[in-house]
Amino acid sequence: MAGLFGWACWKRRGEPFVGRFGIALAVAVWALFGVYEGYMYFWSRTVIAPIRVDLLLLTPILYAVTILGLVQAFMRRRTLNRSGRS
């Protein structure tokens, strides 16, 4: 996911940062989540029955950031198309 949002942010590199803040936030959160999941994978190998209660907190945050990034990516693109630029 971080790669897809990174690509969307890179495609809009000529715009001001404010116009792509939600996309950049999604890149950062998904990249941090990927690192965290890698750590948790190796941690889960050291315990007998890992119970991942942390995902109850992280999943809604990931959903919210993903929706924010998608909305900002499509709304900004739509706004540019209406003004005559592409």
PDB file of N, CA and C in Angstrom:
ATOM      1  N   MET A   1       0.818  -1.191   0.000  1.00  0.00           N
ATOM      2  CA  MET A   1       0.000   0.000   0.000  1.00  0.00           C
ATOM      3  C   MET A   1       0.861   1.254   0.000  1.00  0.00           C
ATOM      4  N   ALA A   2       1.941   1.220   0.772  1.00  0.00           N
ATOM      5  CA  ALA A   2       2.812   2.399   0.831  1.00  0.00           C
ATOM      6  C   ALA A   2       3.374   2.704  -0.554  1.00  0.00           C
ATOM      7  N   GLY A   3       3.662   1.675  -1.320  1.00  0.00           N
ATOM      8  CA  GLY A   3       4.183   1.872  -2.670  1.00  0.00           C
ATOM      9  C   GLY A   3       3.168   2.537  -3.595  1.00  0.00           C
ATOM     10  N   LEU A   4       1.916   2.136  -3.502  1.00  0.00           N
ATOM     11  CA  LEU A   4       0.880   2.746  -4.337  1.00  0.00           C
ATOM     12  C   LEU A   4       0.664   4.205  -3.983  1.00  0.00           C
ATOM     13  N   PHE A   5       0.600   4.498  -2.699  1.00  0.00           N
ATOM     14  CA  PHE A   5       0.433   5.886  -2.292  1.00  0.00           C
ATOM     15  C   PHE A   5       1.687   6.701  -2.610  1.00  0.00           C
ATOM     16  N   GLY A   6       2.846   6.086  -2.510  1.00  0.00           N
ATOM     17  CA  GLY A   6       4.079   6.774  -2.882  1.00  0.00           C
ATOM     18  C   GLY A   6       4.090   7.143  -4.354  1.00  0.00           C
ATOM     19  N   TRP A   7       3.611   6.246  -5.182  1.00  0.00           N
ATOM     20  CA  TRP A   7       3.520   6.518  -6.610  1.00  0.00           C
ATOM     21  C   TRP A   7       2.548   7.671  -6.876  1.00  0.00           C
ATOM     22  N   ALA A   8       1.389   7.663  -6.183  1.00  0.00           N
ATOM     23  CA  ALA A   8       0.414   8.737  -6.364  1.00  0.00           C
ATOM     24  C   ALA A   8       0.988  10.078  -5.911  1.00  0.00           C
ATOM     25  N   CYS A   9       1.745  10.070  -4.839  1.00  0.00           N
ATOM     26  CA  CYS A   9       2.369  11.298  -4.352  1.00  0.00           C
ATOM     27  C   CYS A   9       3.450  11.775  -5.322  1.00  0.00           C
ATOM     28  N   TRP A  10       4.204  10.865  -5.897  1.00  0.00           N
ATOM     29  CA  TRP A  10       5.250  11.213  -6.842  1.00  0.00           C
ATOM     30  C   TRP A  10       4.656  11.797  -8.126  1.00  0.00           C
ATOM     31  N   LYS A  11       3.516  11.264  -8.549  1.00  0.00           N
ATOM     32  CA  LYS A  11       2.866  11.767  -9.758  1.00  0.00           C
ATOM     33  C   LYS A  11       2.433  13.219  -9.600  1.00  0.00           C
ATOM     34  N   ARG A  12       2.210  13.658  -8.364  1.00  0.00           N
ATOM     35  CA  ARG A  12       1.781  15.026  -8.099  1.00  0.00           C
ATOM     36  C   ARG A  12       2.911  15.868  -7.512  1.00  0.00           C
ATOM     37  N   ARG A  13       4.128  15.577  -7.894  1.00  0.00           N
ATOM     38  CA  ARG A  13       5.286  16.240  -7.293  1.00  0.00           C
ATOM     39  C   ARG A  13       5.379  17.714  -7.634  1.00  0.00           C
ATOM     40  N   GLY A  14       4.737  18.194  -8.668  1.00  0.00           N
ATOM     41  CA  GLY A  14       4.777  19.605  -9.033  1.00  0.00           C
ATOM     42  C   GLY A  14       3.823  20.464  -8.217  1.00  0.00           C
ATOM     43  N   GLU A  15       2.904  19.843  -7.502  1.00  0.00           N
ATOM     44  CA  GLU A  15       1.929  20.581  -6.708  1.00  0.00           C
ATOM     45  C   GLU A  15       2.517  20.954  -5.352  1.00  0.00           C
ATOM     46  N   PRO A  16       1.926  21.933  -4.692  1.00  0.00           N
ATOM     47  CA  PRO A  16       2.390  22.246  -3.330  1.00  0.00           C
ATOM     48  C   PRO A  16       2.126  21.082  -2.386  1.00  0.00           C
ATOM     49  N   PHE A  17       2.915  21.017  -1.323  1.00  0.00           N
ATOM     50  CA  PHE A  17       2.805  19.883  -0.394  1.00  0.00           C
ATOM     51  C   PHE A  17       1.438  19.812   0.264  1.00  0.00           C
ATOM     52  N   VAL A  18       0.799  20.948   0.462  1.00  0.00           N
ATOM     53  CA  VAL A  18      -0.524  20.959   1.100  1.00  0.00           C
ATOM     54  C   VAL A  18      -1.521  20.156   0.268  1.00  0.00           C
ATOM     55  N   GLY A  19      -1.367  20.183  -1.039  1.00  0.00           N
ATOM     56  CA  GLY A  19      -2.271  19.464  -1.922  1.00  0.00           C
ATOM     57  C   GLY A  19      -2.092  17.970  -1.908  1.00  0.00           C
ATOM     58  N   ARG A  20      -0.997  17.497  -1.356  1.00  0.00           N
ATOM     59  CA  ARG A  20      -0.761  16.057  -1.312  1.00  0.00           C
ATOM     60  C   ARG A  20      -0.403  15.574   0.084  1.00  0.00           C
ATOM     61  N   PHE A  21      -0.807  16.322   1.103  1.00  0.00           N
ATOM     62  CA  PHE A  21      -0.491  15.958   2.479  1.00  0.00           C
ATOM     63  C   PHE A  21      -1.133  14.632   2.884  1.00  0.00           C
ATOM     64  N   GLY A  22      -2.396  14.412   2.521  1.00  0.00           N
ATOM     65  CA  GLY A  22      -3.080  13.169   2.870  1.00  0.00           C
ATOM     66  C   GLY A  22      -2.427  11.958   2.233  1.00  0.00           C
ATOM     67  N   ILE A  23      -1.944  12.123   1.019  1.00  0.00           N
ATOM     68  CA  ILE A  23      -1.273  11.021   0.332  1.00  0.00           C
ATOM     69  C   ILE A  23       0.065  10.726   1.014  1.00  0.00           C
ATOM     70  N   ALA A  24       0.809  11.785   1.347  1.00  0.00           N
ATOM     71  CA  ALA A  24       2.094  11.606   2.028  1.00  0.00           C
ATOM     72  C   ALA A  24       1.905  10.999   3.415  1.00  0.00           C
ATOM     73  N   LEU A  25       0.834  11.375   4.092  1.00  0.00           N
ATOM     74  CA  LEU A  25       0.530  10.790   5.402  1.00  0.00           C
ATOM     75  C   LEU A  25       0.241   9.299   5.263  1.00  0.00           C
ATOM     76  N   ALA A  26      -0.502   8.920   4.227  1.00  0.00           N
ATOM     77  CA  ALA A  26      -0.796   7.510   3.991  1.00  0.00           C
ATOM     78  C   ALA A  26       0.484   6.731   3.692  1.00  0.00           C
ATOM     79  N   VAL A  27       1.403   7.325   2.954  1.00  0.00           N
ATOM     80  CA  VAL A  27       2.684   6.668   2.672  1.00  0.00           C
ATOM     81  C   VAL A  27       3.433   6.406   3.971  1.00  0.00           C
ATOM     82  N   ALA A  28       3.511   7.439   4.818  1.00  0.00           N
ATOM     83  CA  ALA A  28       4.262   7.314   6.071  1.00  0.00           C
ATOM     84  C   ALA A  28       3.639   6.277   7.001  1.00  0.00           C
ATOM     85  N   VAL A  29       2.317   6.320   7.158  1.00  0.00           N
ATOM     86  CA  VAL A  29       1.647   5.391   8.074  1.00  0.00           C
ATOM     87  C   VAL A  29       1.766   3.957   7.587  1.00  0.00           C
ATOM     88  N   TRP A  30       1.569   3.731   6.291  1.00  0.00           N
ATOM     89  CA  TRP A  30       1.673   2.367   5.773  1.00  0.00           C
ATOM     90  C   TRP A  30       3.103   1.849   5.817  1.00  0.00           C
ATOM     91  N   ALA A  31       4.084   2.726   5.598  1.00  0.00           N
ATOM     92  CA  ALA A  31       5.481   2.291   5.699  1.00  0.00           C
ATOM     93  C   ALA A  31       5.826   1.929   7.140  1.00  0.00           C
ATOM     94  N   LEU A  32       5.392   2.745   8.095  1.00  0.00           N
ATOM     95  CA  LEU A  32       5.628   2.430   9.509  1.00  0.00           C
ATOM     96  C   LEU A  32       4.919   1.137   9.912  1.00  0.00           C
ATOM     97  N   PHE A  33       3.719   0.933   9.394  1.00  0.00           N
ATOM     98  CA  PHE A  33       2.992  -0.293   9.695  1.00  0.00           C
ATOM     99  C   PHE A  33       3.721  -1.512   9.133  1.00  0.00           C
ATOM    100  N   GLY A  34       4.304  -1.372   7.951  1.00  0.00           N
ATOM    101  CA  GLY A  34       5.066  -2.475   7.372  1.00  0.00           C
ATOM    102  C   GLY A  34       6.267  -2.852   8.221  1.00  0.00           C
ATOM    103  N   VAL A  35       6.978  -1.848   8.722  1.00  0.00           N
ATOM    104  CA  VAL A  35       8.118  -2.113   9.605  1.00  0.00           C
ATOM    105  C   VAL A  35       7.639  -2.770  10.896  1.00  0.00           C
ATOM    106  N   TYR A  36       6.550  -2.251  11.450  1.00  0.00           N
ATOM    107  CA  TYR A  36       5.998  -2.795  12.691  1.00  0.00           C
ATOM    108  C   TYR A  36       5.540  -4.241  12.502  1.00  0.00           C
ATOM    109  N   GLU A  37       4.908  -4.530  11.384  1.00  0.00           N
ATOM    110  CA  GLU A  37       4.459  -5.897  11.124  1.00  0.00           C
ATOM    111  C   GLU A  37       5.634  -6.850  10.965  1.00  0.00           C
ATOM    112  N   GLY A  38       6.717  -6.377  10.375  1.00  0.00           N
ATOM    113  CA  GLY A  38       7.918  -7.205  10.292  1.00  0.00           C
ATOM    114  C   GLY A  38       8.451  -7.552  11.668  1.00  0.00           C
ATOM    115  N   TYR A  39       8.482  -6.560  12.551  1.00  0.00           N
ATOM    116  CA  TYR A  39       8.911  -6.801  13.928  1.00  0.00           C
ATOM    117  C   TYR A  39       7.963  -7.782  14.634  1.00  0.00           C
ATOM    118  N   MET A  40       6.666  -7.585  14.446  1.00  0.00           N
ATOM    119  CA  MET A  40       5.691  -8.450  15.110  1.00  0.00           C
ATOM    120  C   MET A  40       5.744  -9.876  14.563  1.00  0.00           C
ATOM    121  N   TYR A  41       6.091 -10.038  13.317  1.00  0.00           N
ATOM    122  CA  TYR A  41       6.227 -11.373  12.753  1.00  0.00           C
ATOM    123  C   TYR A  41       7.323 -12.146  13.489  1.00  0.00           C
ATOM    124  N   PHE A  42       8.454 -11.501  13.665  1.00  0.00           N
ATOM    125  CA  PHE A  42       9.545 -12.183  14.367  1.00  0.00           C
ATOM    126  C   PHE A  42       9.236 -12.359  15.849  1.00  0.00           C
ATOM    127  N   TRP A  43       8.503 -11.415  16.446  1.00  0.00           N
ATOM    128  CA  TRP A  43       8.094 -11.561  17.838  1.00  0.00           C
ATOM    129  C   TRP A  43       7.144 -12.749  17.997  1.00  0.00           C
ATOM    130  N   SER A  44       6.228 -12.937  17.059  1.00  0.00           N
ATOM    131  CA  SER A  44       5.247 -14.009  17.170  1.00  0.00           C
ATOM    132  C   SER A  44       5.903 -15.390  17.111  1.00  0.00           C
ATOM    133  N   ARG A  45       7.094 -15.459  16.570  1.00  0.00           N
ATOM    134  CA  ARG A  45       7.826 -16.733  16.537  1.00  0.00           C
ATOM    135  C   ARG A  45       8.395 -17.105  17.904  1.00  0.00           C
ATOM    136  N   THR A  46       8.471 -16.146  18.833  1.00  0.00           N
ATOM    137  CA  THR A  46       9.085 -16.406  20.136  1.00  0.00           C
ATOM    138  C   THR A  46       8.070 -16.763  21.214  1.00  0.00           C
ATOM    139  N   VAL A  47       6.773 -16.623  20.946  1.00  0.00           N
ATOM    140  CA  VAL A  47       5.748 -16.925  21.944  1.00  0.00           C
ATOM    141  C   VAL A  47       4.917 -18.110  21.474  1.00  0.00           C
ATOM    142  N   ILE A  48       4.201 -18.715  22.412  1.00  0.00           N
ATOM    143  CA  ILE A  48       3.424 -19.911  22.077  1.00  0.00           C
ATOM    144  C   ILE A  48       2.133 -19.561  21.345  1.00  0.00           C
ATOM    145  N   ALA A  49       1.354 -18.629  21.878  1.00  0.00           N
ATOM    146  CA  ALA A  49       0.075 -18.272  21.262  1.00  0.00           C
ATOM    147  C   ALA A  49      -0.052 -16.745  21.200  1.00  0.00           C
ATOM    148  N   PRO A  50       0.471 -16.137  20.147  1.00  0.00           N
ATOM    149  CA  PRO A  50       0.398 -14.680  20.068  1.00  0.00           C
ATOM    150  C   PRO A  50      -1.031 -14.201  19.839  1.00  0.00           C
ATOM    151  N   ILE A  51      -1.465 -13.289  20.663  1.00  0.00           N
ATOM    152  CA  ILE A  51      -2.786 -12.674  20.518  1.00  0.00           C
ATOM    153  C   ILE A  51      -2.539 -11.215  20.156  1.00  0.00           C
ATOM    154  N   ARG A  52      -3.005 -10.808  18.999  1.00  0.00           N
ATOM    155  CA  ARG A  52      -2.702  -9.481  18.470  1.00  0.00           C
ATOM    156  C   ARG A  52      -3.824  -8.498  18.778  1.00  0.00           C
ATOM    157  N   VAL A  53      -3.869  -8.030  20.000  1.00  0.00           N
ATOM    158  CA  VAL A  53      -4.862  -7.037  20.399  1.00  0.00           C
ATOM    159  C   VAL A  53      -4.511  -5.674  19.814  1.00  0.00           C
ATOM    160  N   ASP A  54      -3.255  -5.460  19.483  1.00  0.00           N
ATOM    161  CA  ASP A  54      -2.824  -4.183  18.918  1.00  0.00           C
ATOM    162  C   ASP A  54      -3.527  -3.863  17.605  1.00  0.00           C
ATOM    163  N   LEU A  55      -3.955  -4.880  16.876  1.00  0.00           N
ATOM    164  CA  LEU A  55      -4.629  -4.650  15.604  1.00  0.00           C
ATOM    165  C   LEU A  55      -6.012  -4.018  15.789  1.00  0.00           C
ATOM    166  N   LEU A  56      -6.609  -4.159  16.973  1.00  0.00           N
ATOM    167  CA  LEU A  56      -7.886  -3.498  17.237  1.00  0.00           C
ATOM    168  C   LEU A  56      -7.726  -1.980  17.223  1.00  0.00           C
ATOM    169  N   LEU A  57      -6.576  -1.491  17.580  1.00  0.00           N
ATOM    170  CA  LEU A  57      -6.308  -0.059  17.545  1.00  0.00           C
ATOM    171  C   LEU A  57      -5.752   0.376  16.185  1.00  0.00           C
ATOM    172  N   LEU A  58      -4.900  -0.423  15.598  1.00  0.00           N
ATOM    173  CA  LEU A  58      -4.227  -0.028  14.362  1.00  0.00           C
ATOM    174  C   LEU A  58      -5.126  -0.101  13.126  1.00  0.00           C
ATOM    175  N   THR A  59      -6.020  -1.046  13.073  1.00  0.00           N
ATOM    176  CA  THR A  59      -6.856  -1.222  11.882  1.00  0.00           C
ATOM    177  C   THR A  59      -7.735  -0.004  11.586  1.00  0.00           C
ATOM    178  N   PRO A  60      -8.452   0.564  12.565  1.00  0.00           N
ATOM    179  CA  PRO A  60      -9.233   1.770  12.244  1.00  0.00           C
ATOM    180  C   PRO A  60      -8.364   2.948  11.804  1.00  0.00           C
ATOM    181  N   ILE A  61      -7.175   3.067  12.361  1.00  0.00           N
ATOM    182  CA  ILE A  61      -6.273   4.146  11.949  1.00  0.00           C
ATOM    183  C   ILE A  61      -5.850   3.945  10.498  1.00  0.00           C
ATOM    184  N   LEU A  62      -5.514   2.715  10.143  1.00  0.00           N
ATOM    185  CA  LEU A  62      -5.124   2.433   8.763  1.00  0.00           C
ATOM    186  C   LEU A  62      -6.274   2.674   7.787  1.00  0.00           C
ATOM    187  N   TYR A  63      -7.488   2.286   8.182  1.00  0.00           N
ATOM    188  CA  TYR A  63      -8.646   2.550   7.329  1.00  0.00           C
ATOM    189  C   TYR A  63      -8.850   4.043   7.117  1.00  0.00           C
ATOM    190  N   ALA A  64      -8.779   4.817   8.188  1.00  0.00           N
ATOM    191  CA  ALA A  64      -9.011   6.260   8.096  1.00  0.00           C
ATOM    192  C   ALA A  64      -7.955   6.937   7.228  1.00  0.00           C
ATOM    193  N   VAL A  65      -6.708   6.573   7.419  1.00  0.00           N
ATOM    194  CA  VAL A  65      -5.627   7.187   6.637  1.00  0.00           C
ATOM    195  C   VAL A  65      -5.718   6.773   5.173  1.00  0.00           C
ATOM    196  N   THR A  66      -6.090   5.538   4.914  1.00  0.00           N
ATOM    197  CA  THR A  66      -6.239   5.073   3.534  1.00  0.00           C
ATOM    198  C   THR A  66      -7.364   5.822   2.833  1.00  0.00           C
ATOM    199  N   ILE A  67      -8.487   5.979   3.501  1.00  0.00           N
ATOM    200  CA  ILE A  67      -9.613   6.710   2.910  1.00  0.00           C
ATOM    201  C   ILE A  67      -9.231   8.165   2.660  1.00  0.00           C
ATOM    202  N   LEU A  68      -8.541   8.786   3.632  1.00  0.00           N
ATOM    203  CA  LEU A  68      -8.086  10.164   3.450  1.00  0.00           C
ATOM    204  C   LEU A  68      -7.161  10.290   2.239  1.00  0.00           C
ATOM    205  N   GLY A  69      -6.212   9.378   2.105  1.00  0.00           N
ATOM    206  CA  GLY A  69      -5.297   9.420   0.968  1.00  0.00           C
ATOM    207  C   GLY A  69      -5.996   9.219  -0.361  1.00  0.00           C
ATOM    208  N   LEU A  70      -6.936   8.280  -0.407  1.00  0.00           N
ATOM    209  CA  LEU A  70      -7.674   8.036  -1.649  1.00  0.00           C
ATOM    210  C   LEU A  70      -8.548   9.222  -2.028  1.00  0.00           C
ATOM    211  N   VAL A  71      -9.241   9.782  -1.041  1.00  0.00           N
ATOM    212  CA  VAL A  71     -10.104  10.930  -1.319  1.00  0.00           C
ATOM    213  C   VAL A  71      -9.271  12.104  -1.809  1.00  0.00           C
ATOM    214  N   GLN A  72      -8.162  12.375  -1.155  1.00  0.00           N
ATOM    215  CA  GLN A  72      -7.340  13.497  -1.577  1.00  0.00           C
ATOM    216  C   GLN A  72      -6.731  13.254  -2.949  1.00  0.00           C
ATOM    217  N   ALA A  73      -6.331  12.039  -3.238  1.00  0.00           N
ATOM    218  CA  ALA A  73      -5.756  11.748  -4.557  1.00  0.00           C
ATOM    219  C   ALA A  73      -6.780  11.965  -5.664  1.00  0.00           C
ATOM    220  N   PHE A  74      -8.002  11.492  -5.467  1.00  0.00           N
ATOM    221  CA  PHE A  74      -9.002  11.625  -6.512  1.00  0.00           C
ATOM    222  C   PHE A  74      -9.624  13.016  -6.567  1.00  0.00           C
ATOM    223  N   MET A  75      -9.803  13.664  -5.430  1.00  0.00           N
ATOM    224  CA  MET A  75     -10.390  15.002  -5.441  1.00  0.00           C
ATOM    225  C   MET A  75      -9.433  16.011  -6.069  1.00  0.00           C
ATOM    226  N   ARG A  76      -8.165  15.913  -5.777  1.00  0.00           N
ATOM    227  CA  ARG A  76      -7.197  16.845  -6.351  1.00  0.00           C
ATOM    228  C   ARG A  76      -7.114  16.656  -7.855  1.00  0.00           C
ATOM    229  N   ARG A  77      -7.126  15.422  -8.278  1.00  0.00           N
ATOM    230  CA  ARG A  77      -7.062  15.125  -9.704  1.00  0.00           C
ATOM    231  C   ARG A  77      -8.304  15.659 -10.408  1.00  0.00           C
ATOM    232  N   ARG A  78      -9.441  15.505  -9.783  1.00  0.00           N
ATOM    233  CA  ARG A  78     -10.684  15.973 -10.362  1.00  0.00           C
ATOM    234  C   ARG A  78     -10.704  17.500 -10.443  1.00  0.00           C
ATOM    235  N   THR A  79     -10.188  18.162  -9.426  1.00  0.00           N
ATOM    236  CA  THR A  79     -10.138  19.621  -9.416  1.00  0.00           C
ATOM    237  C   THR A  79      -9.232  20.133 -10.530  1.00  0.00           C
ATOM    238  N   LEU A  80      -8.106  19.490 -10.747  1.00  0.00           N
ATOM    239  CA  LEU A  80      -7.203  19.911 -11.811  1.00  0.00           C
ATOM    240  C   LEU A  80      -7.833  19.724 -13.176  1.00  0.00           C
ATOM    241  N   ASN A  81      -8.585  18.650 -13.370  1.00  0.00           N
ATOM    242  CA  ASN A  81      -9.217  18.400 -14.658  1.00  0.00           C
ATOM    243  C   ASN A  81     -10.306  19.428 -14.942  1.00  0.00           C
ATOM    244  N   ARG A  82     -10.997  19.910 -13.922  1.00  0.00           N
ATOM    245  CA  ARG A  82     -12.041  20.903 -14.130  1.00  0.00           C
ATOM    246  C   ARG A  82     -11.469  22.261 -14.523  1.00  0.00           C
ATOM    247  N   SER A  83     -10.285  22.569 -14.080  1.00  0.00           N
ATOM    248  CA  SER A  83      -9.698  23.874 -14.383  1.00  0.00           C
ATOM    249  C   SER A  83      -9.054  23.913 -15.769  1.00  0.00           C
ATOM    250  N   GLY A  84      -9.070  22.812 -16.473  1.00  0.00           N
ATOM    251  CA  GLY A  84      -8.525  22.790 -17.816  1.00  0.00           C
ATOM    252  C   GLY A  84      -7.118  22.258 -17.901  1.00  0.00           C
ATOM    253  N   ARG A  85      -6.466  22.044 -16.751  1.00  0.00           N
ATOM    254  CA  ARG A  85      -5.137  21.456 -16.763  1.00  0.00           C
ATOM    255  C   ARG A  85      -5.260  19.960 -16.578  1.00  0.00           C
ATOM    256  N   SER A  86      -4.207  19.223 -16.873  1.00  0.00           N
ATOM    257  CA  SER A  86      -4.268  17.768 -16.686  1.00  0.00           C
ATOM    258  C   SER A  86      -3.196  17.267 -15.793  1.00  0.00           C
TER     259      SER A  86
END
